[in-house]
């Protein structure tokens, strides 16, 4: 039955940068109510001052364990 179904045009996957994913997480995670405000300040500081400067420009799929 190959070739009989509808053809679906495949789209190239979107390459997400670490900075965009980190920002989305920083916006979303506090809405879950699982972390205290002081903890979120610490998370935000670490992400913004350490992780984003080091990995922000990279695609998430390009980051390896060795890089971290």
PDB file of N, CA and C in Angstrom:
ATOM      1  N   UNK A   1       0.814  -1.189   0.000  1.00  0.00           N
ATOM      2  CA  UNK A   1       0.000   0.000   0.000  1.00  0.00           C
ATOM      3  C   UNK A   1       0.862   1.259   0.000  1.00  0.00           C
ATOM      4  N   UNK A   2       2.103   1.133  -0.300  1.00  0.00           N
ATOM      5  CA  UNK A   2       2.968   2.303  -0.363  1.00  0.00           C
ATOM      6  C   UNK A   2       2.534   3.224  -1.485  1.00  0.00           C
ATOM      7  N   UNK A   3       2.657   4.517  -1.206  1.00  0.00           N
ATOM      8  CA  UNK A   3       2.374   5.498  -2.230  1.00  0.00           C
ATOM      9  C   UNK A   3       0.914   5.843  -2.393  1.00  0.00           C
ATOM     10  N   UNK A   4       0.039   5.181  -1.685  1.00  0.00           N
ATOM     11  CA  UNK A   4      -1.391   5.444  -1.840  1.00  0.00           C
ATOM     12  C   UNK A   4      -1.912   6.515  -0.879  1.00  0.00           C
ATOM     13  N   UNK A   5      -1.184   6.737   0.206  1.00  0.00           N
ATOM     14  CA  UNK A   5      -1.640   7.728   1.187  1.00  0.00           C
ATOM     15  C   UNK A   5      -1.331   9.143   0.739  1.00  0.00           C
ATOM     16  N   UNK A   6      -1.835  10.074   1.493  1.00  0.00           N
ATOM     17  CA  UNK A   6      -1.564  11.482   1.222  1.00  0.00           C
ATOM     18  C   UNK A   6      -0.099  11.776   1.432  1.00  0.00           C
ATOM     19  N   UNK A   7       0.478  12.524   0.575  1.00  0.00           N
ATOM     20  CA  UNK A   7       1.874  12.916   0.763  1.00  0.00           C
ATOM     21  C   UNK A   7       1.939  14.088   1.716  1.00  0.00           C
ATOM     22  N   UNK A   8       2.842  13.966   2.658  1.00  0.00           N
ATOM     23  CA  UNK A   8       3.027  15.024   3.646  1.00  0.00           C
ATOM     24  C   UNK A   8       4.365  15.673   3.381  1.00  0.00           C
ATOM     25  N   UNK A   9       4.335  16.974   3.226  1.00  0.00           N
ATOM     26  CA  UNK A   9       5.581  17.691   3.009  1.00  0.00           C
ATOM     27  C   UNK A   9       6.288  17.826   4.354  1.00  0.00           C
ATOM     28  N   UNK A  10       7.483  17.299   4.425  1.00  0.00           N
ATOM     29  CA  UNK A  10       8.253  17.378   5.662  1.00  0.00           C
ATOM     30  C   UNK A  10       8.884  18.752   5.784  1.00  0.00           C
ATOM     31  N   UNK A  11       8.829  19.251   6.981  1.00  0.00           N
ATOM     32  CA  UNK A  11       9.443  20.537   7.242  1.00  0.00           C
ATOM     33  C   UNK A  11      10.756  20.323   7.962  1.00  0.00           C
ATOM     34  N   UNK A  12      11.696  21.216   7.692  1.00  0.00           N
ATOM     35  CA  UNK A  12      12.973  21.151   8.377  1.00  0.00           C
ATOM     36  C   UNK A  12      12.730  21.469   9.847  1.00  0.00           C
ATOM     37  N   UNK A  13      13.275  20.682  10.766  1.00  0.00           N
ATOM     38  CA  UNK A  13      13.065  20.954  12.188  1.00  0.00           C
ATOM     39  C   UNK A  13      13.610  22.328  12.571  1.00  0.00           C
ATOM     40  N   UNK A  14      12.929  22.969  13.485  1.00  0.00           N
ATOM     41  CA  UNK A  14      13.374  24.261  13.974  1.00  0.00           C
ATOM     42  C   UNK A  14      14.516  24.030  14.957  1.00  0.00           C
ATOM     43  N   UNK A  15      15.588  24.766  14.774  1.00  0.00           N
ATOM     44  CA  UNK A  15      16.733  24.644  15.662  1.00  0.00           C
ATOM     45  C   UNK A  15      16.579  25.642  16.806  1.00  0.00           C
ATOM     46  N   UNK A  16      16.321  25.146  17.990  1.00  0.00           N
ATOM     47  CA  UNK A  16      16.136  26.002  19.150  1.00  0.00           C
ATOM     48  C   UNK A  16      17.475  26.295  19.795  1.00  0.00           C
ATOM     49  N   UNK A  17      17.703  27.550  20.125  1.00  0.00           N
ATOM     50  CA  UNK A  17      18.936  27.883  20.825  1.00  0.00           C
ATOM     51  C   UNK A  17      18.743  27.643  22.312  1.00  0.00           C
ATOM     52  N   UNK A  18      19.846  27.434  22.991  1.00  0.00           N
ATOM     53  CA  UNK A  18      19.774  27.237  24.430  1.00  0.00           C
ATOM     54  C   UNK A  18      19.155  28.459  25.100  1.00  0.00           C
ATOM     55  N   UNK A  19      19.513  29.651  24.649  1.00  0.00           N
ATOM     56  CA  UNK A  19      18.985  30.884  25.259  1.00  0.00           C
ATOM     57  C   UNK A  19      17.465  30.940  25.176  1.00  0.00           C
ATOM     58  N   UNK A  20      16.890  30.563  24.040  1.00  0.00           N
ATOM     59  CA  UNK A  20      15.432  30.628  23.901  1.00  0.00           C
ATOM     60  C   UNK A  20      14.738  29.588  24.779  1.00  0.00           C
ATOM     61  N   UNK A  21      15.312  28.410  24.868  1.00  0.00           N
ATOM     62  CA  UNK A  21      14.726  27.359  25.713  1.00  0.00           C
ATOM     63  C   UNK A  21      14.864  27.733  27.191  1.00  0.00           C
ATOM     64  N   UNK A  22      16.014  28.284  27.571  1.00  0.00           N
ATOM     65  CA  UNK A  22      16.224  28.690  28.961  1.00  0.00           C
ATOM     66  C   UNK A  22      15.233  29.776  29.357  1.00  0.00           C
ATOM     67  N   UNK A  23      15.010  30.743  28.477  1.00  0.00           N
ATOM     68  CA  UNK A  23      14.068  31.817  28.790  1.00  0.00           C
ATOM     69  C   UNK A  23      12.650  31.284  28.926  1.00  0.00           C
ATOM     70  N   UNK A  24      12.282  30.376  28.043  1.00  0.00           N
ATOM     71  CA  UNK A  24      10.952  29.767  28.128  1.00  0.00           C
ATOM     72  C   UNK A  24      10.789  29.034  29.455  1.00  0.00           C
ATOM     73  N   UNK A  25      11.832  28.306  29.884  1.00  0.00           N
ATOM     74  CA  UNK A  25      11.772  27.586  31.153  1.00  0.00           C
ATOM     75  C   UNK A  25      11.671  28.564  32.323  1.00  0.00           C
ATOM     76  N   UNK A  26      12.446  29.646  32.281  1.00  0.00           N
ATOM     77  CA  UNK A  26      12.397  30.638  33.362  1.00  0.00           C
ATOM     78  C   UNK A  26      11.028  31.308  33.464  1.00  0.00           C
ATOM     79  N   UNK A  27      10.340  31.422  32.353  1.00  0.00           N
ATOM     80  CA  UNK A  27       8.987  31.994  32.359  1.00  0.00           C
ATOM     81  C   UNK A  27       7.946  30.979  32.827  1.00  0.00           C
ATOM     82  N   UNK A  28       8.136  29.722  32.443  1.00  0.00           N
ATOM     83  CA  UNK A  28       7.141  28.692  32.707  1.00  0.00           C
ATOM     84  C   UNK A  28       7.249  28.065  34.097  1.00  0.00           C
ATOM     85  N   UNK A  29       8.437  27.718  34.531  1.00  0.00           N
ATOM     86  CA  UNK A  29       8.607  26.943  35.762  1.00  0.00           C
ATOM     87  C   UNK A  29       7.969  27.592  36.990  1.00  0.00           C
ATOM     88  N   UNK A  30       8.097  28.896  37.175  1.00  0.00           N
ATOM     89  CA  UNK A  30       7.465  29.490  38.357  1.00  0.00           C
ATOM     90  C   UNK A  30       5.939  29.344  38.376  1.00  0.00           C
ATOM     91  N   UNK A  31       5.321  29.186  37.215  1.00  0.00           N
ATOM     92  CA  UNK A  31       3.858  29.054  37.170  1.00  0.00           C
ATOM     93  C   UNK A  31       3.387  27.720  37.737  1.00  0.00           C
ATOM     94  N   UNK A  32       4.293  26.766  37.889  1.00  0.00           N
ATOM     95  CA  UNK A  32       3.928  25.467  38.438  1.00  0.00           C
ATOM     96  C   UNK A  32       3.786  25.509  39.958  1.00  0.00           C
ATOM     97  N   UNK A  33       4.364  26.523  40.588  1.00  0.00           N
ATOM     98  CA  UNK A  33       4.270  26.662  42.033  1.00  0.00           C
ATOM     99  C   UNK A  33       5.104  25.659  42.801  1.00  0.00           C
ATOM    100  N   UNK A  34       6.146  25.137  42.184  1.00  0.00           N
ATOM    101  CA  UNK A  34       6.962  24.106  42.832  1.00  0.00           C
ATOM    102  C   UNK A  34       8.233  24.641  43.461  1.00  0.00           C
ATOM    103  N   UNK A  35       8.565  25.883  43.175  1.00  0.00           N
ATOM    104  CA  UNK A  35       9.809  26.443  43.700  1.00  0.00           C
ATOM    105  C   UNK A  35       9.509  27.731  44.459  1.00  0.00           C
ATOM    106  N   UNK A  36      10.204  27.908  45.547  1.00  0.00           N
ATOM    107  CA  UNK A  36      10.063  29.144  46.295  1.00  0.00           C
ATOM    108  C   UNK A  36      10.636  30.305  45.487  1.00  0.00           C
ATOM    109  N   UNK A  37      10.207  31.497  45.832  1.00  0.00           N
ATOM    110  CA  UNK A  37      10.681  32.684  45.133  1.00  0.00           C
ATOM    111  C   UNK A  37      12.201  32.829  45.254  1.00  0.00           C
ATOM    112  N   UNK A  38      12.734  32.539  46.419  1.00  0.00           N
ATOM    113  CA  UNK A  38      14.182  32.644  46.609  1.00  0.00           C
ATOM    114  C   UNK A  38      14.932  31.616  45.751  1.00  0.00           C
ATOM    115  N   UNK A  39      14.363  30.435  45.603  1.00  0.00           N
ATOM    116  CA  UNK A  39      14.980  29.420  44.743  1.00  0.00           C
ATOM    117  C   UNK A  39      14.972  29.871  43.292  1.00  0.00           C
ATOM    118  N   UNK A  40      13.856  30.447  42.860  1.00  0.00           N
ATOM    119  CA  UNK A  40      13.764  30.921  41.484  1.00  0.00           C
ATOM    120  C   UNK A  40      14.768  32.045  41.219  1.00  0.00           C
ATOM    121  N   UNK A  41      15.008  32.892  42.198  1.00  0.00           N
ATOM    122  CA  UNK A  41      16.020  33.943  42.023  1.00  0.00           C
ATOM    123  C   UNK A  41      17.384  33.314  41.785  1.00  0.00           C
ATOM    124  N   UNK A  42      17.696  32.275  42.543  1.00  0.00           N
ATOM    125  CA  UNK A  42      18.961  31.573  42.365  1.00  0.00           C
ATOM    126  C   UNK A  42      19.048  30.889  41.008  1.00  0.00           C
ATOM    127  N   UNK A  43      17.970  30.210  40.603  1.00  0.00           N
ATOM    128  CA  UNK A  43      17.949  29.554  39.299  1.00  0.00           C
ATOM    129  C   UNK A  43      18.152  30.575  38.185  1.00  0.00           C
ATOM    130  N   UNK A  44      17.395  31.673  38.272  1.00  0.00           N
ATOM    131  CA  UNK A  44      17.462  32.716  37.242  1.00  0.00           C
ATOM    132  C   UNK A  44      18.872  33.292  37.161  1.00  0.00           C
ATOM    133  N   UNK A  45      19.473  33.559  38.299  1.00  0.00           N
ATOM    134  CA  UNK A  45      20.814  34.113  38.321  1.00  0.00           C
ATOM    135  C   UNK A  45      21.810  33.161  37.667  1.00  0.00           C
ATOM    136  N   UNK A  46      21.744  31.888  38.028  1.00  0.00           N
ATOM    137  CA  UNK A  46      22.676  30.916  37.461  1.00  0.00           C
ATOM    138  C   UNK A  46      22.485  30.779  35.955  1.00  0.00           C
ATOM    139  N   UNK A  47      21.239  30.699  35.528  1.00  0.00           N
ATOM    140  CA  UNK A  47      20.958  30.563  34.094  1.00  0.00           C
ATOM    141  C   UNK A  47      21.456  31.791  33.331  1.00  0.00           C
ATOM    142  N   UNK A  48      21.122  32.987  33.834  1.00  0.00           N
ATOM    143  CA  UNK A  48      21.464  34.214  33.116  1.00  0.00           C
ATOM    144  C   UNK A  48      22.948  34.568  33.174  1.00  0.00           C
ATOM    145  N   UNK A  49      23.621  34.246  34.279  1.00  0.00           N
ATOM    146  CA  UNK A  49      25.016  34.649  34.431  1.00  0.00           C
ATOM    147  C   UNK A  49      26.033  33.580  34.033  1.00  0.00           C
ATOM    148  N   UNK A  50      25.611  32.336  33.973  1.00  0.00           N
ATOM    149  CA  UNK A  50      26.558  31.260  33.671  1.00  0.00           C
ATOM    150  C   UNK A  50      26.171  30.449  32.430  1.00  0.00           C
ATOM    151  N   UNK A  51      24.960  29.917  32.430  1.00  0.00           N
ATOM    152  CA  UNK A  51      24.575  29.022  31.341  1.00  0.00           C
ATOM    153  C   UNK A  51      24.364  29.733  30.008  1.00  0.00           C
ATOM    154  N   UNK A  52      23.594  30.817  30.019  1.00  0.00           N
ATOM    155  CA  UNK A  52      23.333  31.525  28.761  1.00  0.00           C
ATOM    156  C   UNK A  52      24.613  32.102  28.152  1.00  0.00           C
ATOM    157  N   UNK A  53      25.503  32.737  28.932  1.00  0.00           N
ATOM    158  CA  UNK A  53      26.742  33.204  28.302  1.00  0.00           C
ATOM    159  C   UNK A  53      27.577  32.068  27.690  1.00  0.00           C
ATOM    160  N   UNK A  54      27.539  30.896  28.299  1.00  0.00           N
ATOM    161  CA  UNK A  54      28.343  29.783  27.798  1.00  0.00           C
ATOM    162  C   UNK A  54      27.684  29.042  26.635  1.00  0.00           C
ATOM    163  N   UNK A  55      26.366  28.861  26.702  1.00  0.00           N
ATOM    164  CA  UNK A  55      25.677  28.009  25.727  1.00  0.00           C
ATOM    165  C   UNK A  55      24.571  28.708  24.952  1.00  0.00           C
ATOM    166  N   UNK A  56      24.261  29.933  25.272  1.00  0.00           N
ATOM    167  CA  UNK A  56      23.100  30.619  24.706  1.00  0.00           C
ATOM    168  C   UNK A  56      23.019  30.635  23.202  1.00  0.00           C
ATOM    169  N   UNK A  57      24.137  30.765  22.532  1.00  0.00           N
ATOM    170  CA  UNK A  57      24.158  30.855  21.073  1.00  0.00           C
ATOM    171  C   UNK A  57      24.057  29.503  20.387  1.00  0.00           C
ATOM    172  N   UNK A  58      24.227  28.429  21.137  1.00  0.00           N
ATOM    173  CA  UNK A  58      24.231  27.086  20.559  1.00  0.00           C
ATOM    174  C   UNK A  58      22.833  26.512  20.404  1.00  0.00           C
ATOM    175  N   UNK A  59      22.678  25.676  19.413  1.00  0.00           N
ATOM    176  CA  UNK A  59      21.460  24.904  19.260  1.00  0.00           C
ATOM    177  C   UNK A  59      21.419  23.887  20.397  1.00  0.00           C
ATOM    178  N   UNK A  60      20.262  23.638  20.939  1.00  0.00           N
ATOM    179  CA  UNK A  60      20.119  22.679  22.033  1.00  0.00           C
ATOM    180  C   UNK A  60      20.658  21.311  21.613  1.00  0.00           C
ATOM    181  N   UNK A  61      20.404  20.924  20.385  1.00  0.00           N
ATOM    182  CA  UNK A  61      20.859  19.614  19.916  1.00  0.00           C
ATOM    183  C   UNK A  61      22.376  19.536  19.757  1.00  0.00           C
ATOM    184  N   UNK A  62      23.052  20.667  19.745  1.00  0.00           N
ATOM    185  CA  UNK A  62      24.510  20.680  19.582  1.00  0.00           C
ATOM    186  C   UNK A  62      25.249  20.556  20.910  1.00  0.00           C
ATOM    187  N   UNK A  63      24.552  20.720  22.009  1.00  0.00           N
ATOM    188  CA  UNK A  63      25.185  20.685  23.323  1.00  0.00           C
ATOM    189  C   UNK A  63      25.373  19.232  23.753  1.00  0.00           C
ATOM    190  N   UNK A  64      26.596  18.896  24.138  1.00  0.00           N
ATOM    191  CA  UNK A  64      26.897  17.526  24.547  1.00  0.00           C
ATOM    192  C   UNK A  64      27.284  17.510  26.027  1.00  0.00           C
ATOM    193  N   UNK A  65      27.295  16.336  26.604  1.00  0.00           N
ATOM    194  CA  UNK A  65      27.679  16.184  28.012  1.00  0.00           C
ATOM    195  C   UNK A  65      29.113  16.662  28.230  1.00  0.00           C
ATOM    196  N   UNK A  66      29.987  16.399  27.281  1.00  0.00           N
ATOM    197  CA  UNK A  66      31.379  16.832  27.406  1.00  0.00           C
ATOM    198  C   UNK A  66      31.495  18.358  27.462  1.00  0.00           C
ATOM    199  N   UNK A  67      30.604  19.053  26.771  1.00  0.00           N
ATOM    200  CA  UNK A  67      30.637  20.512  26.777  1.00  0.00           C
ATOM    201  C   UNK A  67      30.231  21.075  28.130  1.00  0.00           C
ATOM    202  N   UNK A  68      29.336  20.390  28.780  1.00  0.00           N
ATOM    203  CA  UNK A  68      28.845  20.865  30.069  1.00  0.00           C
ATOM    204  C   UNK A  68      29.852  20.535  31.140  1.00  0.00           C
TER     205      UNK A  68
END
